[in-house]
Amino acid sequence: MPPLDSIKHDPGESAGVVLSPGPIGPPGPISSAVPARTSTRSRVGRLFGEPALVRRVLALAWPVVLEQTLFAVVGLTDTYVVGHLGANSLAAVGLSNQIINLLAAVYGAVATGSMAVVARQIGAGERSEASKTTQQSILAAFVIGLTLSLVSFIFAEQIMQALGAAADVVPIGAAYMRISSFTLILMPTLFVGNAIMRAIGDTRTPMQIMAVVVVLNAVLAFWLVRGEPNLGANGSALAAMVARGVGGGLVVAMLLKGRGRVRLPREWPRLDWPRLKRVLNIGLPAGAEQLLLQSALIAMTTIITGLGTAAYAAHQIALNVMSMSYLPGWGFALAATTLVGQNLGARDTAQAKASGYTAFRLGLLVMASMGALLFIFDETLVRAFVPDDEAVIAFGVGAIRISAFIQPIMAASFVFSGGLRGAGDTRTALFITVGSTWLTRVPIAYLLAHTLGLGLNGAWLAIAADFLTRATFFWLRFRSGKWMTIKV
């Protein structure tokens, strides 16, 4: 990977991928022309793809990796701060965040749909349409966020009980969830707005916004939990609420100012059903995918909570650690989404397919390296959260070792599914993800963890089987090329 400051952009570009402008008018498609190769370029081309394409993928991916790393740091900060309050608090926060993630699947539908549509519009040079699509997506995100905020606030205790939380965990988790519910008002605009900026090739602005969110969350969390207020787990929830709310407000401000080829119209928004329908035609399958995926994860939660509070606390730590390790794969997946969408909008199917494979090869290299680091520092990572709880540490080390081995498989799953979503092939992604999680992960987890008595290690082996199944089918679908004919 070249030094970050060596990745150049056209003058006047805010950030992101370099597009090849025509003599006049809006930017044209990403050029498939490549310069004359040197022997070094030939080697790079054989390994990863054409050097020019490698640079474009990296230019998109590295800010996304940093952005998602920063977002994961919010969860890690909360886990670290709350973990020192004891296993009950850690389990309560983990269960509450599980529900927040489930609800996030709903506005994730708008984020995925808007990203695919806006990328196509930018590739086709339709700047005005891209701006109007952005306005409708932000409006839908805000309305959805407000609705979900009310739902999670009202039914907090019932939800915690339904997850099988222990009696002493329920009140802690319900209080945390009620505070976190206010996050859902502006958090959807943060996710949807960032997705739109990635679609236009601006991956640096979302990264900068997340840097603000992380710093603000960390400062507030340590002060409210460990400082003079001493609010316990509720302090962590308040910190996340304020930080993510500020992030959502910054996204709206940036889009009103204009980023790259998209500017949020300043007039009061009105529902434009034809445009919103176009977003939802792609987004709803993606939202259903995430909703059913999160439902499967909740089913996994009930399986793991049955192993005891220590096992679930260790599971939560392992999830947070793994969320950091797979971020490179997520970054390259979003690069594939953007480039596949823009190239299909420009009707360059060969470059769209090449973009997907280049993103996968780069993601595979980085995530294999991350897996090695996880295996080497497994116990050190767990002890950073719970230095003195030997039961939690023993469970956590086993889970992290398994996650280390599945990193390369996750790279294939993430990147190829990202390419399919960029093409608008969200229904295929829905069927593969839902089928794999419900027919592989959940039943195998119960079989290994409870029936065969492998405990938390058994549940994590089921996670590995799930990702292997998904990676195989996503790769087969991408290789077939059928996604190239889908209309957005």
Protein backbone atom coordinates (compact mmCIF):
# COMPACT_ATOMS: atom_id res chain seq x y z
CA MET A 1 0.00 0.00 0.00
CA PRO A 2 1.43 3.42 -0.93
CA PRO A 3 1.79 6.13 1.70
CA LEU A 4 -1.57 7.79 2.32
CA ASP A 5 -0.34 11.20 1.24
CA SER A 6 0.83 9.79 -2.10
CA ILE A 7 -2.73 9.10 -3.23
CA LYS A 8 -3.51 12.06 -5.45
CA HIS A 9 -6.84 13.66 -6.34
CA ASP A 10 -7.87 15.97 -9.12
CA PRO A 11 -7.69 19.66 -8.21
CA GLY A 12 -10.99 20.84 -6.85
CA GLU A 13 -12.13 17.39 -5.72
CA SER A 14 -13.20 17.26 -2.09
CA ALA A 15 -11.98 13.69 -1.71
CA GLY A 16 -12.34 10.20 -3.03
CA VAL A 17 -11.87 8.47 -6.32
CA VAL A 18 -10.41 10.31 -9.28
CA LEU A 19 -12.87 10.51 -12.16
CA SER A 20 -11.94 11.25 -15.75
CA PRO A 21 -13.81 14.36 -16.88
CA GLY A 22 -14.86 14.87 -20.46
CA PRO A 23 -14.11 18.07 -22.40
CA ILE A 24 -17.17 19.74 -20.88
CA GLY A 25 -20.03 18.80 -18.62
CA PRO A 26 -20.16 16.44 -15.67
CA PRO A 27 -17.51 13.88 -14.87
CA GLY A 28 -17.48 10.79 -17.01
CA PRO A 29 -16.93 7.18 -16.05
CA ILE A 30 -13.80 5.86 -14.47
CA SER A 31 -11.47 5.25 -17.35
CA SER A 32 -10.44 1.68 -18.11
CA ALA A 33 -7.38 2.88 -19.98
CA VAL A 34 -4.09 2.04 -18.32
CA PRO A 35 -0.63 3.47 -18.84
CA ALA A 36 2.22 1.50 -20.32
CA ARG A 37 3.41 -1.09 -17.83
CA THR A 38 6.78 -1.46 -16.32
CA SER A 39 7.88 -4.82 -14.99
CA THR A 40 6.77 -3.72 -11.49
CA ARG A 41 3.36 -2.76 -12.79
CA SER A 42 3.07 -6.11 -14.53
CA ARG A 43 3.67 -7.89 -11.26
CA VAL A 44 1.13 -5.68 -9.48
CA GLY A 45 -1.34 -6.29 -12.30
CA ARG A 46 -1.01 -10.04 -11.98
CA LEU A 47 -1.45 -9.97 -8.20
CA PHE A 48 -4.12 -7.34 -7.65
CA GLY A 49 -5.19 -5.77 -10.95
CA GLU A 50 -4.02 -2.82 -13.00
CA PRO A 51 -1.95 -0.33 -10.94
CA ALA A 52 -4.31 2.54 -11.76
CA LEU A 53 -7.25 0.52 -10.48
CA VAL A 54 -5.33 -0.52 -7.37
CA ARG A 55 -4.71 3.15 -6.58
CA ARG A 56 -8.41 3.95 -7.04
CA VAL A 57 -9.47 1.13 -4.74
CA LEU A 58 -6.97 2.17 -2.09
CA ALA A 59 -7.98 5.82 -2.40
CA LEU A 60 -11.56 4.81 -1.58
CA ALA A 61 -10.80 2.08 0.93
CA TRP A 62 -8.31 3.59 3.38
CA PRO A 63 -10.53 6.47 4.57
CA VAL A 64 -13.42 3.99 4.96
CA VAL A 65 -11.21 1.67 7.00
CA LEU A 66 -10.20 4.55 9.24
CA GLU A 67 -13.79 5.77 9.49
CA GLN A 68 -15.12 2.34 10.43
CA THR A 69 -12.21 1.87 12.82
CA LEU A 70 -13.19 5.11 14.50
CA PHE A 71 -16.82 3.98 14.66
CA ALA A 72 -15.75 0.68 16.22
CA VAL A 73 -13.67 2.63 18.73
CA VAL A 74 -16.95 4.04 20.06
CA GLY A 75 -18.07 0.50 20.90
CA LEU A 76 -14.64 -0.44 22.20
CA THR A 77 -14.55 2.62 24.43
CA ASP A 78 -17.95 1.75 25.88
CA THR A 79 -16.90 -1.87 26.40
CA TYR A 80 -13.63 -0.84 28.04
CA VAL A 81 -15.21 1.72 30.35
CA VAL A 82 -18.19 -0.45 31.30
CA GLY A 83 -16.12 -3.67 31.49
CA HIS A 84 -14.40 -2.33 34.58
CA LEU A 85 -17.81 -2.06 36.27
CA GLY A 86 -18.27 -5.85 36.21
CA ALA A 87 -19.68 -8.66 34.06
CA ASN A 88 -23.32 -7.69 34.72
CA SER A 89 -22.85 -4.17 33.35
CA LEU A 90 -20.89 -5.48 30.38
CA ALA A 91 -23.60 -8.03 29.56
CA ALA A 92 -26.33 -5.38 29.92
CA VAL A 93 -24.61 -3.01 27.51
CA GLY A 94 -23.97 -5.83 25.04
CA LEU A 95 -27.61 -6.91 25.03
CA SER A 96 -28.83 -3.34 24.62
CA ASN A 97 -26.51 -2.69 21.71
CA GLN A 98 -27.73 -5.91 20.10
CA ILE A 99 -31.21 -4.39 19.88
CA ILE A 100 -29.86 -1.03 18.67
CA ASN A 101 -28.11 -2.93 15.86
CA LEU A 102 -31.34 -4.74 15.02
CA LEU A 103 -33.21 -1.46 14.72
CA ALA A 104 -30.34 -0.02 12.69
CA ALA A 105 -31.11 -2.57 9.99
CA VAL A 106 -34.23 -0.58 9.14
CA TYR A 107 -32.45 2.65 8.25
CA GLY A 108 -29.63 0.57 6.79
CA ALA A 109 -32.11 -0.17 4.01
CA VAL A 110 -32.18 3.52 3.09
CA ALA A 111 -28.38 3.77 3.33
CA THR A 112 -27.77 0.83 0.98
CA GLY A 113 -30.43 1.88 -1.52
CA SER A 114 -29.32 5.50 -1.65
CA MET A 115 -25.66 4.51 -2.06
CA ALA A 116 -26.42 2.25 -5.05
CA VAL A 117 -28.72 4.78 -6.74
CA VAL A 118 -26.49 7.81 -6.18
CA ALA A 119 -23.41 5.91 -7.41
CA ARG A 120 -25.25 5.04 -10.63
CA GLN A 121 -26.42 8.64 -11.05
CA ILE A 122 -22.90 9.99 -10.54
CA GLY A 123 -21.50 7.47 -13.01
CA ALA A 124 -24.10 8.61 -15.55
CA GLY A 125 -23.38 12.31 -14.88
CA GLU A 126 -26.82 13.01 -13.35
CA ARG A 127 -25.79 15.43 -10.58
CA SER A 128 -29.19 17.06 -10.07
CA GLU A 129 -30.91 13.70 -9.68
CA ALA A 130 -28.23 12.60 -7.22
CA SER A 131 -28.91 15.69 -5.07
CA LYS A 132 -32.65 15.08 -5.08
CA THR A 133 -32.17 11.43 -4.19
CA THR A 134 -29.98 12.55 -1.30
CA GLN A 135 -32.72 14.83 0.04
CA GLN A 136 -35.32 12.05 -0.01
CA SER A 137 -32.94 9.60 1.66
CA ILE A 138 -32.08 11.99 4.51
CA LEU A 139 -35.78 12.76 5.06
CA ALA A 140 -36.65 9.05 5.22
CA ALA A 141 -33.75 8.39 7.60
CA PHE A 142 -34.91 11.06 10.04
CA VAL A 143 -38.52 9.82 10.09
CA ILE A 144 -37.41 6.22 10.60
CA GLY A 145 -35.02 7.24 13.37
CA LEU A 146 -37.72 9.12 15.25
CA THR A 147 -40.08 6.13 15.06
CA LEU A 148 -37.48 3.61 16.23
CA SER A 149 -36.45 5.87 19.07
CA LEU A 150 -39.96 5.75 20.51
CA VAL A 151 -40.22 1.96 20.11
CA SER A 152 -36.94 1.20 21.90
CA PHE A 153 -37.69 3.71 24.70
CA ILE A 154 -41.15 2.32 25.48
CA PHE A 155 -40.36 -1.41 25.35
CA ALA A 156 -36.84 -1.44 26.83
CA GLU A 157 -37.55 -3.77 29.78
CA GLN A 158 -39.67 -6.19 27.78
CA ILE A 159 -36.93 -6.47 25.17
CA MET A 160 -34.26 -7.22 27.74
CA GLN A 161 -36.44 -9.92 29.30
CA ALA A 162 -37.15 -11.46 25.88
CA LEU A 163 -33.40 -11.79 25.33
CA GLY A 164 -33.15 -13.94 28.44
CA ALA A 165 -31.14 -11.44 30.49
CA ALA A 166 -30.61 -12.34 34.13
CA ALA A 167 -32.78 -10.53 36.67
CA ASP A 168 -29.93 -8.35 37.87
CA VAL A 169 -28.98 -7.44 34.28
CA VAL A 170 -32.46 -6.33 33.12
CA PRO A 171 -32.67 -2.95 34.95
CA ILE A 172 -29.13 -1.98 33.91
CA GLY A 173 -29.77 -2.91 30.29
CA ALA A 174 -33.21 -1.25 30.13
CA ALA A 175 -31.87 2.03 31.49
CA TYR A 176 -28.97 1.93 29.02
CA MET A 177 -31.34 1.21 26.13
CA ARG A 178 -33.71 4.05 27.00
CA ILE A 179 -30.89 6.55 26.95
CA SER A 180 -29.44 5.04 23.77
CA SER A 181 -32.84 5.26 22.07
CA PHE A 182 -32.36 9.00 21.64
CA THR A 183 -29.29 8.16 19.54
CA LEU A 184 -31.64 6.75 16.91
CA ILE A 185 -33.06 10.18 16.08
CA LEU A 186 -29.93 11.53 14.34
CA MET A 187 -27.88 8.34 14.02
CA PRO A 188 -29.75 7.31 10.82
CA THR A 189 -28.80 10.59 9.15
CA LEU A 190 -25.18 9.89 10.11
CA PHE A 191 -25.22 6.49 8.40
CA VAL A 192 -27.28 7.48 5.35
CA GLY A 193 -25.37 10.71 4.78
CA ASN A 194 -22.03 8.94 5.04
CA ALA A 195 -23.22 6.27 2.59
CA ILE A 196 -24.16 8.94 0.05
CA MET A 197 -20.79 10.66 0.36
CA ARG A 198 -19.06 7.32 -0.25
CA ALA A 199 -21.22 6.81 -3.35
CA ILE A 200 -19.84 10.01 -4.88
CA GLY A 201 -16.29 8.97 -4.04
CA ASP A 202 -15.86 11.17 -0.95
CA THR A 203 -14.67 8.77 1.73
CA ARG A 204 -12.58 11.29 3.64
CA THR A 205 -15.40 13.46 4.97
CA PRO A 206 -17.17 10.53 6.73
CA MET A 207 -13.80 9.62 8.25
CA GLN A 208 -13.34 13.16 9.59
CA ILE A 209 -16.87 13.22 11.02
CA MET A 210 -16.29 9.90 12.78
CA ALA A 211 -13.08 11.29 14.27
CA VAL A 212 -15.16 13.99 15.94
CA VAL A 213 -17.66 11.37 17.16
CA VAL A 214 -14.92 9.16 18.64
CA VAL A 215 -13.10 11.93 20.49
CA LEU A 216 -16.32 13.36 21.88
CA ASN A 217 -17.60 9.93 22.95
CA ALA A 218 -14.31 8.97 24.63
CA VAL A 219 -14.04 12.22 26.60
CA LEU A 220 -17.67 12.12 27.74
CA ALA A 221 -17.63 8.37 28.54
CA PHE A 222 -14.61 8.55 30.82
CA TRP A 223 -15.92 11.67 32.53
CA LEU A 224 -19.51 10.44 33.05
CA VAL A 225 -18.59 6.88 34.07
CA ARG A 226 -15.40 7.38 36.05
CA GLY A 227 -15.45 11.07 36.80
CA GLU A 228 -17.38 13.07 39.35
CA PRO A 229 -20.88 12.29 37.95
CA ASN A 230 -20.12 8.52 38.31
CA LEU A 231 -23.22 7.50 36.34
CA GLY A 232 -22.12 3.91 35.69
CA ALA A 233 -23.30 2.27 32.46
CA ASN A 234 -25.78 5.11 31.92
CA GLY A 235 -22.85 7.51 31.53
CA SER A 236 -21.58 5.45 28.61
CA ALA A 237 -25.01 5.59 26.98
CA LEU A 238 -25.21 9.36 27.40
CA ALA A 239 -21.77 9.79 25.85
CA ALA A 240 -22.67 7.70 22.80
CA MET A 241 -26.00 9.52 22.42
CA VAL A 242 -24.40 12.98 22.36
CA ALA A 243 -21.48 11.96 20.12
CA ARG A 244 -23.60 10.22 17.49
CA GLY A 245 -26.14 13.03 17.53
CA VAL A 246 -23.39 15.54 16.82
CA GLY A 247 -22.15 13.29 14.01
CA GLY A 248 -25.59 13.21 12.40
CA GLY A 249 -25.85 16.99 12.59
CA LEU A 250 -22.43 17.40 10.97
CA VAL A 251 -23.42 15.13 8.07
CA VAL A 252 -26.49 17.24 7.32
CA ALA A 253 -24.43 20.43 7.52
CA MET A 254 -21.82 19.04 5.12
CA LEU A 255 -24.43 17.96 2.58
CA LEU A 256 -26.17 21.33 2.76
CA LYS A 257 -22.84 22.96 1.97
CA GLY A 258 -22.23 20.50 -0.87
CA ARG A 259 -19.79 17.62 -1.18
CA GLY A 260 -18.29 16.84 -4.57
CA ARG A 261 -21.17 16.45 -7.01
CA VAL A 262 -24.03 16.41 -4.50
CA ARG A 263 -25.65 19.28 -2.62
CA LEU A 264 -28.64 18.83 -0.32
CA PRO A 265 -31.40 21.20 -1.54
CA ARG A 266 -32.10 23.90 1.01
CA GLU A 267 -35.88 24.11 0.54
CA TRP A 268 -38.13 22.33 3.03
CA PRO A 269 -38.23 18.66 1.93
CA ARG A 270 -41.42 17.07 0.67
CA LEU A 271 -42.03 13.42 0.05
CA ASP A 272 -41.11 12.49 -3.53
CA TRP A 273 -42.41 8.95 -3.76
CA PRO A 274 -41.03 8.01 -7.22
CA ARG A 275 -37.46 8.86 -6.15
CA LEU A 276 -37.82 7.30 -2.73
CA LYS A 277 -39.33 4.19 -4.30
CA ARG A 278 -36.24 3.79 -6.48
CA VAL A 279 -34.08 3.86 -3.36
CA LEU A 280 -36.31 1.43 -1.50
CA ASN A 281 -36.51 -1.04 -4.39
CA ILE A 282 -32.84 -1.69 -3.75
CA GLY A 283 -32.75 -0.83 -0.08
CA LEU A 284 -35.65 -2.91 1.21
CA PRO A 285 -34.07 -6.27 0.34
CA ALA A 286 -30.85 -5.02 1.95
CA GLY A 287 -32.82 -3.89 4.99
CA ALA A 288 -34.65 -7.20 5.18
CA GLU A 289 -31.27 -8.93 4.93
CA GLN A 290 -29.90 -6.96 7.86
CA LEU A 291 -33.11 -7.29 9.86
CA LEU A 292 -33.14 -11.07 9.49
CA LEU A 293 -29.39 -11.21 10.07
CA GLN A 294 -29.71 -9.25 13.30
CA SER A 295 -32.64 -11.50 14.27
CA ALA A 296 -30.34 -14.48 13.80
CA LEU A 297 -27.72 -12.74 15.91
CA ILE A 298 -30.31 -12.27 18.64
CA ALA A 299 -31.09 -15.98 18.40
CA MET A 300 -27.35 -16.53 18.82
CA THR A 301 -27.47 -14.24 21.84
CA THR A 302 -30.09 -16.40 23.53
CA ILE A 303 -27.92 -19.47 22.85
CA ILE A 304 -24.86 -17.79 24.36
CA THR A 305 -26.64 -16.23 27.35
CA GLY A 306 -27.65 -19.80 28.20
CA LEU A 307 -23.95 -20.49 28.76
CA GLY A 308 -23.81 -17.96 31.61
CA THR A 309 -22.94 -14.31 32.15
CA ALA A 310 -19.17 -14.88 31.97
CA ALA A 311 -19.47 -16.58 28.57
CA TYR A 312 -21.66 -13.81 27.20
CA ALA A 313 -19.33 -11.09 28.53
CA ALA A 314 -16.42 -12.87 26.79
CA HIS A 315 -18.49 -13.16 23.62
CA GLN A 316 -19.12 -9.42 23.70
CA ILE A 317 -15.41 -8.68 24.09
CA ALA A 318 -14.54 -11.02 21.21
CA LEU A 319 -17.15 -9.36 18.99
CA ASN A 320 -15.70 -5.92 19.72
CA VAL A 321 -12.17 -7.12 19.02
CA MET A 322 -13.25 -8.81 15.79
CA SER A 323 -15.13 -5.68 14.74
CA MET A 324 -11.77 -3.92 14.65
CA SER A 325 -10.01 -6.71 12.76
CA TYR A 326 -12.53 -7.02 9.93
CA LEU A 327 -12.73 -3.29 9.23
CA PRO A 328 -10.24 -3.49 6.34
CA GLY A 329 -12.56 -5.98 4.66
CA TRP A 330 -15.45 -3.61 5.19
CA GLY A 331 -13.44 -0.75 3.69
CA PHE A 332 -12.60 -2.70 0.56
CA ALA A 333 -16.22 -3.89 0.36
CA LEU A 334 -17.44 -0.29 0.25
CA ALA A 335 -14.79 0.54 -2.35
CA ALA A 336 -16.20 -2.31 -4.45
CA THR A 337 -19.74 -1.00 -3.92
CA THR A 338 -18.82 2.49 -5.11
CA LEU A 339 -16.70 1.45 -8.10
CA VAL A 340 -19.08 -1.26 -9.30
CA GLY A 341 -22.01 1.16 -9.07
CA GLN A 342 -20.23 4.03 -10.82
CA ASN A 343 -18.85 1.82 -13.59
CA LEU A 344 -22.23 0.20 -14.25
CA GLY A 345 -23.74 3.69 -14.40
CA ALA A 346 -21.11 4.47 -17.06
CA ARG A 347 -21.87 1.09 -18.75
CA ASP A 348 -18.35 -0.22 -18.30
CA THR A 349 -19.06 -3.75 -17.09
CA ALA A 350 -15.50 -5.02 -17.57
CA GLN A 351 -14.11 -2.34 -15.26
CA ALA A 352 -16.91 -2.98 -12.76
CA LYS A 353 -15.93 -6.65 -12.50
CA ALA A 354 -12.22 -5.85 -12.35
CA SER A 355 -12.90 -3.41 -9.50
CA GLY A 356 -14.53 -6.15 -7.45
CA TYR A 357 -11.66 -8.58 -7.87
CA THR A 358 -9.01 -5.97 -7.14
CA ALA A 359 -10.82 -4.95 -3.94
CA PHE A 360 -11.05 -8.61 -2.89
CA ARG A 361 -7.35 -9.35 -3.40
CA LEU A 362 -6.28 -6.28 -1.45
CA GLY A 363 -8.80 -7.02 1.30
CA LEU A 364 -7.62 -10.64 1.52
CA LEU A 365 -4.01 -9.57 2.02
CA VAL A 366 -4.83 -7.09 4.77
CA MET A 367 -7.32 -9.28 6.64
CA ALA A 368 -5.01 -12.30 6.64
CA SER A 369 -2.47 -10.06 8.35
CA MET A 370 -5.08 -8.96 10.88
CA GLY A 371 -5.88 -12.60 11.62
CA ALA A 372 -2.25 -13.28 12.42
CA LEU A 373 -2.18 -10.38 14.87
CA LEU A 374 -5.34 -11.61 16.60
CA PHE A 375 -3.83 -15.05 17.10
CA ILE A 376 -0.58 -13.66 18.50
CA PHE A 377 -2.15 -11.20 20.94
CA ASP A 378 -5.34 -13.09 21.87
CA GLU A 379 -4.99 -13.09 25.66
CA THR A 380 -3.52 -9.58 25.76
CA LEU A 381 -6.58 -8.23 23.95
CA VAL A 382 -9.03 -9.87 26.35
CA ARG A 383 -7.14 -8.76 29.46
CA ALA A 384 -7.30 -5.18 28.24
CA PHE A 385 -11.03 -5.29 28.98
CA VAL A 386 -11.25 -7.60 32.01
CA PRO A 387 -7.79 -7.86 33.59
CA ASP A 388 -8.86 -9.90 36.65
CA ASP A 389 -11.81 -12.10 35.60
CA GLU A 390 -10.14 -15.40 34.70
CA ALA A 391 -13.40 -17.08 33.63
CA VAL A 392 -14.17 -14.34 31.08
CA ILE A 393 -10.55 -14.35 29.88
CA ALA A 394 -10.57 -18.11 29.25
CA PHE A 395 -13.79 -17.90 27.21
CA GLY A 396 -12.61 -14.84 25.30
CA VAL A 397 -9.24 -16.26 24.24
CA GLY A 398 -10.89 -19.25 22.57
CA ALA A 399 -13.35 -17.06 20.65
CA ILE A 400 -10.64 -14.68 19.44
CA ARG A 401 -8.46 -17.56 18.22
CA ILE A 402 -11.33 -18.86 16.09
CA SER A 403 -12.03 -15.39 14.72
CA ALA A 404 -8.34 -15.11 13.73
CA PHE A 405 -8.65 -18.05 11.35
CA ILE A 406 -11.81 -16.80 9.62
CA GLN A 407 -10.47 -13.35 8.68
CA PRO A 408 -9.56 -14.30 5.06
CA ILE A 409 -12.97 -15.94 4.60
CA MET A 410 -14.67 -12.79 5.85
CA ALA A 411 -12.74 -10.75 3.27
CA ALA A 412 -14.37 -12.75 0.46
CA SER A 413 -17.80 -12.53 2.06
CA PHE A 414 -17.62 -8.77 2.58
CA VAL A 415 -16.08 -7.68 -0.72
CA PHE A 416 -18.08 -9.83 -3.11
CA SER A 417 -21.34 -8.99 -1.34
CA GLY A 418 -20.31 -5.31 -1.49
CA GLY A 419 -19.86 -5.58 -5.23
CA LEU A 420 -23.30 -7.16 -5.62
CA ARG A 421 -24.90 -4.37 -3.59
CA GLY A 422 -23.18 -1.76 -5.73
CA ALA A 423 -24.83 -3.38 -8.74
CA GLY A 424 -28.21 -3.31 -7.01
CA ASP A 425 -28.26 -7.11 -6.65
CA THR A 426 -29.53 -6.85 -3.09
CA ARG A 427 -32.06 -9.66 -3.40
CA THR A 428 -29.33 -12.21 -4.00
CA ALA A 429 -27.42 -10.83 -1.02
CA LEU A 430 -30.62 -11.19 1.02
CA PHE A 431 -31.13 -14.86 0.13
CA ILE A 432 -27.49 -15.83 0.70
CA THR A 433 -27.11 -14.02 4.03
CA VAL A 434 -30.44 -15.05 5.52
CA GLY A 435 -30.16 -18.64 4.32
CA SER A 436 -26.64 -19.00 5.68
CA THR A 437 -27.25 -17.44 9.08
CA TRP A 438 -30.50 -19.25 9.81
CA LEU A 439 -29.62 -22.62 8.25
CA THR A 440 -25.94 -22.71 9.24
CA ARG A 441 -25.00 -20.40 12.09
CA VAL A 442 -27.96 -20.74 14.46
CA PRO A 443 -28.57 -24.53 14.35
CA ILE A 444 -24.86 -25.40 14.36
CA ALA A 445 -24.28 -23.02 17.27
CA TYR A 446 -26.95 -24.74 19.36
CA LEU A 447 -25.68 -28.19 18.36
CA LEU A 448 -22.04 -27.46 19.19
CA ALA A 449 -22.50 -25.16 22.19
CA HIS A 450 -25.22 -27.05 24.06
CA THR A 451 -25.84 -30.51 22.61
CA LEU A 452 -22.16 -31.40 22.19
CA GLY A 453 -21.05 -29.28 25.13
CA LEU A 454 -18.40 -27.17 23.36
CA GLY A 455 -19.69 -23.99 24.97
CA LEU A 456 -18.65 -20.61 23.57
CA ASN A 457 -16.05 -22.20 21.28
CA GLY A 458 -18.83 -24.19 19.65
CA ALA A 459 -20.85 -21.04 18.99
CA TRP A 460 -17.84 -19.38 17.37
CA LEU A 461 -17.16 -22.42 15.20
CA ALA A 462 -20.73 -21.98 13.94
CA ILE A 463 -19.89 -18.35 13.08
CA ALA A 464 -16.93 -19.62 11.05
CA ALA A 465 -19.15 -22.09 9.18
CA ASP A 466 -21.61 -19.30 8.40
CA PHE A 467 -18.96 -17.01 6.90
CA LEU A 468 -17.52 -19.86 4.83
CA THR A 469 -20.96 -20.59 3.37
CA ARG A 470 -21.63 -16.95 2.59
CA ALA A 471 -18.21 -16.34 1.06
CA THR A 472 -18.65 -19.32 -1.28
CA PHE A 473 -22.05 -18.26 -2.60
CA PHE A 474 -21.19 -14.56 -2.90
CA TRP A 475 -18.09 -15.46 -4.93
CA LEU A 476 -20.07 -17.79 -7.22
CA ARG A 477 -22.67 -15.09 -7.85
CA PHE A 478 -20.09 -12.41 -8.55
CA ARG A 479 -18.15 -14.71 -10.90
CA SER A 480 -21.33 -15.46 -12.87
CA GLY A 481 -21.69 -11.82 -13.93
CA LYS A 482 -25.50 -11.96 -13.77
CA TRP A 483 -25.49 -8.84 -11.57
CA MET A 484 -24.35 -6.78 -14.56
CA THR A 485 -27.83 -6.89 -16.13
CA ILE A 486 -29.78 -5.61 -13.11
CA LYS A 487 -31.58 -2.30 -13.61
CA VAL A 488 -31.51 0.32 -10.85
